[in-house]
mmCIF file of all heavy atoms, coordinates in Angstrom:
data_MODEL
# 
_entry.id   MODEL 
# 
loop_
_atom_site.group_PDB 
_atom_site.id 
_atom_site.type_symbol 
_atom_site.label_atom_id 
_atom_site.label_alt_id 
_atom_site.label_comp_id 
_atom_site.label_asym_id 
_atom_site.label_entity_id 
_atom_site.label_seq_id 
_atom_site.pdbx_PDB_ins_code 
_atom_site.Cartn_x 
_atom_site.Cartn_y 
_atom_site.Cartn_z 
_atom_site.occupancy 
_atom_site.B_iso_or_equiv 
_atom_site.pdbx_formal_charge 
_atom_site.auth_seq_id 
_atom_site.auth_comp_id 
_atom_site.auth_asym_id 
_atom_site.auth_atom_id 
_atom_site.pdbx_PDB_model_num 
ATOM 1   N N   . LYS A 1 1  ? 58.572  41.131 131.235 1.00 0.00 ? 1  LYS A N   1 
ATOM 2   C CA  . LYS A 1 1  ? 58.501  41.806 129.940 1.00 0.00 ? 1  LYS A CA  1 
ATOM 3   C C   . LYS A 1 1  ? 58.865  43.284 130.080 1.00 0.00 ? 1  LYS A C   1 
ATOM 4   O O   . LYS A 1 1  ? 59.581  43.830 129.256 1.00 0.00 ? 1  LYS A O   1 
ATOM 5   C CB  . LYS A 1 1  ? 57.108  41.666 129.328 1.00 0.00 ? 1  LYS A CB  1 
ATOM 6   C CG  . LYS A 1 1  ? 56.801  40.261 128.864 1.00 0.00 ? 1  LYS A CG  1 
ATOM 7   C CD  . LYS A 1 1  ? 55.418  40.184 128.255 1.00 0.00 ? 1  LYS A CD  1 
ATOM 8   C CE  . LYS A 1 1  ? 55.084  38.762 127.852 1.00 0.00 ? 1  LYS A CE  1 
ATOM 9   N NZ  . LYS A 1 1  ? 53.745  38.653 127.302 1.00 0.00 ? 1  LYS A NZ  1 
ATOM 10  N N   . LYS A 1 2  ? 58.388  43.922 131.146 1.00 0.00 ? 2  LYS A N   1 
ATOM 11  C CA  . LYS A 1 2  ? 58.703  45.333 131.370 1.00 0.00 ? 2  LYS A CA  1 
ATOM 12  C C   . LYS A 1 2  ? 60.188  45.522 131.682 1.00 0.00 ? 2  LYS A C   1 
ATOM 13  O O   . LYS A 1 2  ? 60.820  46.452 131.197 1.00 0.00 ? 2  LYS A O   1 
ATOM 14  C CB  . LYS A 1 2  ? 57.850  45.898 132.498 1.00 0.00 ? 2  LYS A CB  1 
ATOM 15  C CG  . LYS A 1 2  ? 56.392  46.051 132.134 1.00 0.00 ? 2  LYS A CG  1 
ATOM 16  C CD  . LYS A 1 2  ? 55.610  46.605 133.295 1.00 0.00 ? 2  LYS A CD  1 
ATOM 17  C CE  . LYS A 1 2  ? 54.132  46.695 132.955 1.00 0.00 ? 2  LYS A CE  1 
ATOM 18  N NZ  . LYS A 1 2  ? 53.360  47.201 134.079 1.00 0.00 ? 2  LYS A NZ  1 
ATOM 19  N N   . SER A 1 3  ? 60.733  44.619 132.512 1.00 0.00 ? 3  SER A N   1 
ATOM 20  C CA  . SER A 1 3  ? 62.157  44.711 132.855 1.00 0.00 ? 3  SER A CA  1 
ATOM 21  C C   . SER A 1 3  ? 63.021  44.493 131.628 1.00 0.00 ? 3  SER A C   1 
ATOM 22  O O   . SER A 1 3  ? 64.003  45.206 131.404 1.00 0.00 ? 3  SER A O   1 
ATOM 23  C CB  . SER A 1 3  ? 62.526  43.674 133.918 1.00 0.00 ? 3  SER A CB  1 
ATOM 24  O OG  . SER A 1 3  ? 61.828  43.931 135.115 1.00 0.00 ? 3  SER A OG  1 
ATOM 25  N N   . PHE A 1 4  ? 62.648  43.487 130.827 1.00 0.00 ? 4  PHE A N   1 
ATOM 26  C CA  . PHE A 1 4  ? 63.417  43.209 129.620 1.00 0.00 ? 4  PHE A CA  1 
ATOM 27  C C   . PHE A 1 4  ? 63.331  44.379 128.641 1.00 0.00 ? 4  PHE A C   1 
ATOM 28  O O   . PHE A 1 4  ? 64.326  44.744 128.019 1.00 0.00 ? 4  PHE A O   1 
ATOM 29  C CB  . PHE A 1 4  ? 62.924  41.914 128.954 1.00 0.00 ? 4  PHE A CB  1 
ATOM 30  C CG  . PHE A 1 4  ? 63.724  41.556 127.739 1.00 0.00 ? 4  PHE A CG  1 
ATOM 31  C CD1 . PHE A 1 4  ? 65.011  41.056 127.864 1.00 0.00 ? 4  PHE A CD1 1 
ATOM 32  C CD2 . PHE A 1 4  ? 63.204  41.744 126.470 1.00 0.00 ? 4  PHE A CD2 1 
ATOM 33  C CE1 . PHE A 1 4  ? 65.756  40.743 126.754 1.00 0.00 ? 4  PHE A CE1 1 
ATOM 34  C CE2 . PHE A 1 4  ? 63.949  41.433 125.352 1.00 0.00 ? 4  PHE A CE2 1 
ATOM 35  C CZ  . PHE A 1 4  ? 65.226  40.925 125.492 1.00 0.00 ? 4  PHE A CZ  1 
ATOM 36  N N   . ALA A 1 5  ? 62.160  44.973 128.506 1.00 0.00 ? 5  ALA A N   1 
ATOM 37  C CA  . ALA A 1 5  ? 61.999  46.113 127.603 1.00 0.00 ? 5  ALA A CA  1 
ATOM 38  C C   . ALA A 1 5  ? 62.853  47.294 128.068 1.00 0.00 ? 5  ALA A C   1 
ATOM 39  O O   . ALA A 1 5  ? 63.500  47.964 127.253 1.00 0.00 ? 5  ALA A O   1 
ATOM 40  C CB  . ALA A 1 5  ? 60.535  46.519 127.513 1.00 0.00 ? 5  ALA A CB  1 
ATOM 41  N N   . ALA A 1 6  ? 62.865  47.544 129.387 1.00 0.00 ? 6  ALA A N   1 
ATOM 42  C CA  . ALA A 1 6  ? 63.670  48.642 129.918 1.00 0.00 ? 6  ALA A CA  1 
ATOM 43  C C   . ALA A 1 6  ? 65.162  48.389 129.684 1.00 0.00 ? 6  ALA A C   1 
ATOM 44  O O   . ALA A 1 6  ? 65.916  49.295 129.310 1.00 0.00 ? 6  ALA A O   1 
ATOM 45  C CB  . ALA A 1 6  ? 63.392  48.832 131.407 1.00 0.00 ? 6  ALA A CB  1 
ATOM 46  N N   . LEU A 1 7  ? 65.607  47.142 129.887 1.00 0.00 ? 7  LEU A N   1 
ATOM 47  C CA  . LEU A 1 7  ? 67.011  46.808 129.647 1.00 0.00 ? 7  LEU A CA  1 
ATOM 48  C C   . LEU A 1 7  ? 67.356  46.907 128.167 1.00 0.00 ? 7  LEU A C   1 
ATOM 49  O O   . LEU A 1 7  ? 68.447  47.347 127.805 1.00 0.00 ? 7  LEU A O   1 
ATOM 50  C CB  . LEU A 1 7  ? 67.317  45.403 130.167 1.00 0.00 ? 7  LEU A CB  1 
ATOM 51  C CG  . LEU A 1 7  ? 67.395  45.275 131.688 1.00 0.00 ? 7  LEU A CG  1 
ATOM 52  C CD1 . LEU A 1 7  ? 67.532  43.817 132.096 1.00 0.00 ? 7  LEU A CD1 1 
ATOM 53  C CD2 . LEU A 1 7  ? 68.568  46.074 132.218 1.00 0.00 ? 7  LEU A CD2 1 
ATOM 54  N N   . ALA A 1 8  ? 66.446  46.502 127.301 1.00 0.00 ? 8  ALA A N   1 
ATOM 55  C CA  . ALA A 1 8  ? 66.696  46.595 125.858 1.00 0.00 ? 8  ALA A CA  1 
ATOM 56  C C   . ALA A 1 8  ? 66.837  48.049 125.423 1.00 0.00 ? 8  ALA A C   1 
ATOM 57  O O   . ALA A 1 8  ? 67.720  48.393 124.629 1.00 0.00 ? 8  ALA A O   1 
ATOM 58  C CB  . ALA A 1 8  ? 65.576  45.913 125.082 1.00 0.00 ? 8  ALA A CB  1 
ATOM 59  N N   . ILE A 1 9  ? 65.981  48.914 125.953 1.00 0.00 ? 9  ILE A N   1 
ATOM 60  C CA  . ILE A 1 9  ? 66.075  50.337 125.615 1.00 0.00 ? 9  ILE A CA  1 
ATOM 61  C C   . ILE A 1 9  ? 67.371  50.931 126.145 1.00 0.00 ? 9  ILE A C   1 
ATOM 62  O O   . ILE A 1 9  ? 68.063  51.682 125.450 1.00 0.00 ? 9  ILE A O   1 
ATOM 63  C CB  . ILE A 1 9  ? 64.840  51.105 126.152 1.00 0.00 ? 9  ILE A CB  1 
ATOM 64  C CG1 . ILE A 1 9  ? 63.597  50.677 125.362 1.00 0.00 ? 9  ILE A CG1 1 
ATOM 65  C CG2 . ILE A 1 9  ? 65.047  52.606 126.063 1.00 0.00 ? 9  ILE A CG2 1 
ATOM 66  C CD1 . ILE A 1 9  ? 62.292  51.185 125.944 1.00 0.00 ? 9  ILE A CD1 1 
ATOM 67  N N   . ALA A 1 10 ? 67.735  50.576 127.382 1.00 0.00 ? 10 ALA A N   1 
ATOM 68  C CA  . ALA A 1 10 ? 68.993  51.074 127.952 1.00 0.00 ? 10 ALA A CA  1 
ATOM 69  C C   . ALA A 1 10 ? 70.192  50.590 127.144 1.00 0.00 ? 10 ALA A C   1 
ATOM 70  O O   . ALA A 1 10 ? 71.126  51.344 126.869 1.00 0.00 ? 10 ALA A O   1 
ATOM 71  C CB  . ALA A 1 10 ? 69.122  50.638 129.412 1.00 0.00 ? 10 ALA A CB  1 
ATOM 72  N N   . GLY A 1 11 ? 70.162  49.320 126.738 1.00 0.00 ? 11 GLY A N   1 
ATOM 73  C CA  . GLY A 1 11 ? 71.246  48.783 125.918 1.00 0.00 ? 11 GLY A CA  1 
ATOM 74  C C   . GLY A 1 11 ? 71.336  49.479 124.574 1.00 0.00 ? 11 GLY A C   1 
ATOM 75  O O   . GLY A 1 11 ? 72.427  49.771 124.076 1.00 0.00 ? 11 GLY A O   1 
ATOM 76  N N   . ALA A 1 12 ? 70.195  49.777 123.963 1.00 0.00 ? 12 ALA A N   1 
ATOM 77  C CA  . ALA A 1 12 ? 70.190  50.475 122.678 1.00 0.00 ? 12 ALA A CA  1 
ATOM 78  C C   . ALA A 1 12 ? 70.762  51.883 122.828 1.00 0.00 ? 12 ALA A C   1 
ATOM 79  O O   . ALA A 1 12 ? 71.490  52.362 121.954 1.00 0.00 ? 12 ALA A O   1 
ATOM 80  C CB  . ALA A 1 12 ? 68.784  50.531 122.115 1.00 0.00 ? 12 ALA A CB  1 
ATOM 81  N N   . LEU A 1 13 ? 70.449  52.552 123.934 1.00 0.00 ? 13 LEU A N   1 
ATOM 82  C CA  . LEU A 1 13 ? 70.986  53.888 124.161 1.00 0.00 ? 13 LEU A CA  1 
ATOM 83  C C   . LEU A 1 13 ? 72.496  53.860 124.369 1.00 0.00 ? 13 LEU A C   1 
ATOM 84  O O   . LEU A 1 13 ? 73.225  54.716 123.874 1.00 0.00 ? 13 LEU A O   1 
ATOM 85  C CB  . LEU A 1 13 ? 70.306  54.547 125.359 1.00 0.00 ? 13 LEU A CB  1 
ATOM 86  C CG  . LEU A 1 13 ? 68.846  54.959 125.158 1.00 0.00 ? 13 LEU A CG  1 
ATOM 87  C CD1 . LEU A 1 13 ? 68.253  55.441 126.472 1.00 0.00 ? 13 LEU A CD1 1 
ATOM 88  C CD2 . LEU A 1 13 ? 68.751  56.033 124.100 1.00 0.00 ? 13 LEU A CD2 1 
ATOM 89  N N   . VAL A 1 14 ? 72.980  52.854 125.117 1.00 0.00 ? 14 VAL A N   1 
ATOM 90  C CA  . VAL A 1 14 ? 74.416  52.759 125.386 1.00 0.00 ? 14 VAL A CA  1 
ATOM 91  C C   . VAL A 1 14 ? 75.183  52.393 124.123 1.00 0.00 ? 14 VAL A C   1 
ATOM 92  O O   . VAL A 1 14 ? 76.188  53.010 123.777 1.00 0.00 ? 14 VAL A O   1 
ATOM 93  C CB  . VAL A 1 14 ? 74.703  51.715 126.495 1.00 0.00 ? 14 VAL A CB  1 
ATOM 94  C CG1 . VAL A 1 14 ? 76.175  51.396 126.579 1.00 0.00 ? 14 VAL A CG1 1 
ATOM 95  C CG2 . VAL A 1 14 ? 74.211  52.237 127.829 1.00 0.00 ? 14 VAL A CG2 1 
ATOM 96  N N   . LEU A 1 15 ? 74.708  51.373 123.407 1.00 0.00 ? 15 LEU A N   1 
ATOM 97  C CA  . LEU A 1 15 ? 75.430  50.887 122.239 1.00 0.00 ? 15 LEU A CA  1 
ATOM 98  C C   . LEU A 1 15 ? 75.140  51.681 120.983 1.00 0.00 ? 15 LEU A C   1 
ATOM 99  O O   . LEU A 1 15 ? 75.937  51.701 120.061 1.00 0.00 ? 15 LEU A O   1 
ATOM 100 C CB  . LEU A 1 15 ? 75.104  49.414 121.993 1.00 0.00 ? 15 LEU A CB  1 
ATOM 101 C CG  . LEU A 1 15 ? 75.554  48.470 123.104 1.00 0.00 ? 15 LEU A CG  1 
ATOM 102 C CD1 . LEU A 1 15 ? 75.106  47.062 122.806 1.00 0.00 ? 15 LEU A CD1 1 
ATOM 103 C CD2 . LEU A 1 15 ? 77.054  48.526 123.279 1.00 0.00 ? 15 LEU A CD2 1 
ATOM 104 N N   . GLY A 1 16 ? 74.016  52.345 120.929 1.00 0.00 ? 16 GLY A N   1 
ATOM 105 C CA  . GLY A 1 16 ? 73.626  53.053 119.715 1.00 0.00 ? 16 GLY A CA  1 
ATOM 106 C C   . GLY A 1 16 ? 73.932  54.530 119.747 1.00 0.00 ? 16 GLY A C   1 
ATOM 107 O O   . GLY A 1 16 ? 73.478  55.265 118.887 1.00 0.00 ? 16 GLY A O   1 
ATOM 108 N N   . GLY A 1 17 ? 74.675  54.974 120.737 1.00 0.00 ? 17 GLY A N   1 
ATOM 109 C CA  . GLY A 1 17 ? 75.016  56.395 120.818 1.00 0.00 ? 17 GLY A CA  1 
ATOM 110 C C   . GLY A 1 17 ? 75.741  56.847 119.563 1.00 0.00 ? 17 GLY A C   1 
ATOM 111 O O   . GLY A 1 17 ? 76.574  56.148 119.015 1.00 0.00 ? 17 GLY A O   1 
ATOM 112 N N   . SER A 1 18 ? 75.413  58.012 119.091 1.00 0.00 ? 18 SER A N   1 
ATOM 113 C CA  . SER A 1 18 ? 76.034  58.478 117.859 1.00 0.00 ? 18 SER A CA  1 
ATOM 114 C C   . SER A 1 18 ? 77.237  59.353 118.175 1.00 0.00 ? 18 SER A C   1 
ATOM 115 O O   . SER A 1 18 ? 77.315  59.997 119.211 1.00 0.00 ? 18 SER A O   1 
ATOM 116 C CB  . SER A 1 18 ? 75.031  59.270 117.030 1.00 0.00 ? 18 SER A CB  1 
ATOM 117 O OG  . SER A 1 18 ? 74.650  60.431 117.727 1.00 0.00 ? 18 SER A OG  1 
ATOM 118 N N   . THR A 1 19 ? 78.183  59.339 117.259 1.00 0.00 ? 19 THR A N   1 
ATOM 119 C CA  . THR A 1 19 ? 79.339  60.221 117.360 1.00 0.00 ? 19 THR A CA  1 
ATOM 120 C C   . THR A 1 19 ? 79.426  61.012 116.076 1.00 0.00 ? 19 THR A C   1 
ATOM 121 O O   . THR A 1 19 ? 78.982  60.574 115.030 1.00 0.00 ? 19 THR A O   1 
ATOM 122 C CB  . THR A 1 19 ? 80.642  59.421 117.547 1.00 0.00 ? 19 THR A CB  1 
ATOM 123 O OG1 . THR A 1 19 ? 80.796  58.538 116.438 1.00 0.00 ? 19 THR A OG1 1 
ATOM 124 C CG2 . THR A 1 19 ? 80.622  58.622 118.837 1.00 0.00 ? 19 THR A CG2 1 
ATOM 125 N N   . ALA A 1 20 ? 79.987  62.173 116.163 1.00 0.00 ? 20 ALA A N   1 
ATOM 126 C CA  . ALA A 1 20 ? 80.118  63.021 114.987 1.00 0.00 ? 20 ALA A CA  1 
ATOM 127 C C   . ALA A 1 20 ? 81.116  62.413 114.023 1.00 0.00 ? 20 ALA A C   1 
ATOM 128 O O   . ALA A 1 20 ? 82.175  61.947 114.416 1.00 0.00 ? 20 ALA A O   1 
ATOM 129 C CB  . ALA A 1 20 ? 80.579  64.415 115.399 1.00 0.00 ? 20 ALA A CB  1 
ATOM 130 N N   . ALA A 1 21 ? 80.787  62.401 112.763 1.00 0.00 ? 21 ALA A N   1 
ATOM 131 C CA  . ALA A 1 21 ? 81.698  61.895 111.755 1.00 0.00 ? 21 ALA A CA  1 
ATOM 132 C C   . ALA A 1 21 ? 82.767  62.947 111.496 1.00 0.00 ? 21 ALA A C   1 
ATOM 133 O O   . ALA A 1 21 ? 82.467  64.121 111.331 1.00 0.00 ? 21 ALA A O   1 
ATOM 134 C CB  . ALA A 1 21 ? 80.942  61.592 110.466 1.00 0.00 ? 21 ALA A CB  1 
ATOM 135 N N   . THR A 1 22 ? 84.005  62.497 111.483 1.00 0.00 ? 22 THR A N   1 
ATOM 136 C CA  . THR A 1 22 ? 85.092  63.434 111.243 1.00 0.00 ? 22 THR A CA  1 
ATOM 137 C C   . THR A 1 22 ? 85.974  62.904 110.135 1.00 0.00 ? 22 THR A C   1 
ATOM 138 O O   . THR A 1 22 ? 86.214  61.709 110.038 1.00 0.00 ? 22 THR A O   1 
ATOM 139 C CB  . THR A 1 22 ? 85.954  63.630 112.506 1.00 0.00 ? 22 THR A CB  1 
ATOM 140 O OG1 . THR A 1 22 ? 86.462  62.367 112.910 1.00 0.00 ? 22 THR A OG1 1 
ATOM 141 C CG2 . THR A 1 22 ? 85.164  64.251 113.632 1.00 0.00 ? 22 THR A CG2 1 
ATOM 142 N N   . ALA A 1 23 ? 86.427  63.796 109.307 1.00 0.00 ? 23 ALA A N   1 
ATOM 143 C CA  . ALA A 1 23 ? 87.377  63.433 108.273 1.00 0.00 ? 23 ALA A CA  1 
ATOM 144 C C   . ALA A 1 23 ? 88.759  63.716 108.833 1.00 0.00 ? 23 ALA A C   1 
ATOM 145 O O   . ALA A 1 23 ? 89.047  64.834 109.223 1.00 0.00 ? 23 ALA A O   1 
ATOM 146 C CB  . ALA A 1 23 ? 87.128  64.251 107.015 1.00 0.00 ? 23 ALA A CB  1 
ATOM 147 N N   . TYR A 1 24 ? 89.608  62.719 108.907 1.00 0.00 ? 24 TYR A N   1 
ATOM 148 C CA  . TYR A 1 24 ? 90.921  62.869 109.513 1.00 0.00 ? 24 TYR A CA  1 
ATOM 149 C C   . TYR A 1 24 ? 91.988  62.770 108.443 1.00 0.00 ? 24 TYR A C   1 
ATOM 150 O O   . TYR A 1 24 ? 92.042  61.811 107.697 1.00 0.00 ? 24 TYR A O   1 
ATOM 151 C CB  . TYR A 1 24 ? 91.141  61.788 110.572 1.00 0.00 ? 24 TYR A CB  1 
ATOM 152 C CG  . TYR A 1 24 ? 92.492  61.870 111.219 1.00 0.00 ? 24 TYR A CG  1 
ATOM 153 C CD1 . TYR A 1 24 ? 92.784  62.847 112.151 1.00 0.00 ? 24 TYR A CD1 1 
ATOM 154 C CD2 . TYR A 1 24 ? 93.497  60.980 110.870 1.00 0.00 ? 24 TYR A CD2 1 
ATOM 155 C CE1 . TYR A 1 24 ? 94.032  62.924 112.735 1.00 0.00 ? 24 TYR A CE1 1 
ATOM 156 C CE2 . TYR A 1 24 ? 94.742  61.052 111.443 1.00 0.00 ? 24 TYR A CE2 1 
ATOM 157 C CZ  . TYR A 1 24 ? 94.999  62.019 112.377 1.00 0.00 ? 24 TYR A CZ  1 
ATOM 158 O OH  . TYR A 1 24 ? 96.241  62.093 112.942 1.00 0.00 ? 24 TYR A OH  1 
ATOM 159 N N   . THR A 1 25 ? 92.806  63.753 108.386 1.00 0.00 ? 25 THR A N   1 
ATOM 160 C CA  . THR A 1 25 ? 93.973  63.729 107.521 1.00 0.00 ? 25 THR A CA  1 
ATOM 161 C C   . THR A 1 25 ? 95.180  63.580 108.423 1.00 0.00 ? 25 THR A C   1 
ATOM 162 O O   . THR A 1 25 ? 95.352  64.356 109.355 1.00 0.00 ? 25 THR A O   1 
ATOM 163 C CB  . THR A 1 25 ? 94.085  65.042 106.712 1.00 0.00 ? 25 THR A CB  1 
ATOM 164 O OG1 . THR A 1 25 ? 92.890  65.219 105.981 1.00 0.00 ? 25 THR A OG1 1 
ATOM 165 C CG2 . THR A 1 25 ? 95.268  64.983 105.777 1.00 0.00 ? 25 THR A CG2 1 
ATOM 166 N N   . PRO A 1 26 ? 96.010  62.560 108.178 1.00 0.00 ? 26 PRO A N   1 
ATOM 167 C CA  . PRO A 1 26 ? 97.141  62.354 109.078 1.00 0.00 ? 26 PRO A CA  1 
ATOM 168 C C   . PRO A 1 26 ? 98.084  63.551 109.096 1.00 0.00 ? 26 PRO A C   1 
ATOM 169 O O   . PRO A 1 26 ? 98.427  64.088 108.063 1.00 0.00 ? 26 PRO A O   1 
ATOM 170 C CB  . PRO A 1 26 ? 97.833  61.111 108.509 1.00 0.00 ? 26 PRO A CB  1 
ATOM 171 C CG  . PRO A 1 26 ? 97.276  60.905 107.157 1.00 0.00 ? 26 PRO A CG  1 
ATOM 172 C CD  . PRO A 1 26 ? 95.979  61.636 107.073 1.00 0.00 ? 26 PRO A CD  1 
ATOM 173 N N   . SER A 1 27 ? 98.438  63.992 110.299 1.00 0.00 ? 27 SER A N   1 
ATOM 174 C CA  . SER A 1 27 ? 99.380  65.097 110.427 1.00 0.00 ? 27 SER A CA  1 
ATOM 175 C C   . SER A 1 27 ? 100.642 64.642 111.144 1.00 0.00 ? 27 SER A C   1 
ATOM 176 O O   . SER A 1 27 ? 101.631 65.335 111.146 1.00 0.00 ? 27 SER A O   1 
ATOM 177 C CB  . SER A 1 27 ? 98.739  66.250 111.201 1.00 0.00 ? 27 SER A CB  1 
ATOM 178 O OG  . SER A 1 27 ? 98.374  65.812 112.482 1.00 0.00 ? 27 SER A OG  1 
# 
């Protein structure tokens, strides 16, 4: 249970990382 919880948290951090939203106008 502890190992699975640690892996779940690590997976959430890897996959849930946020990126800044950018508005892109084609140039």
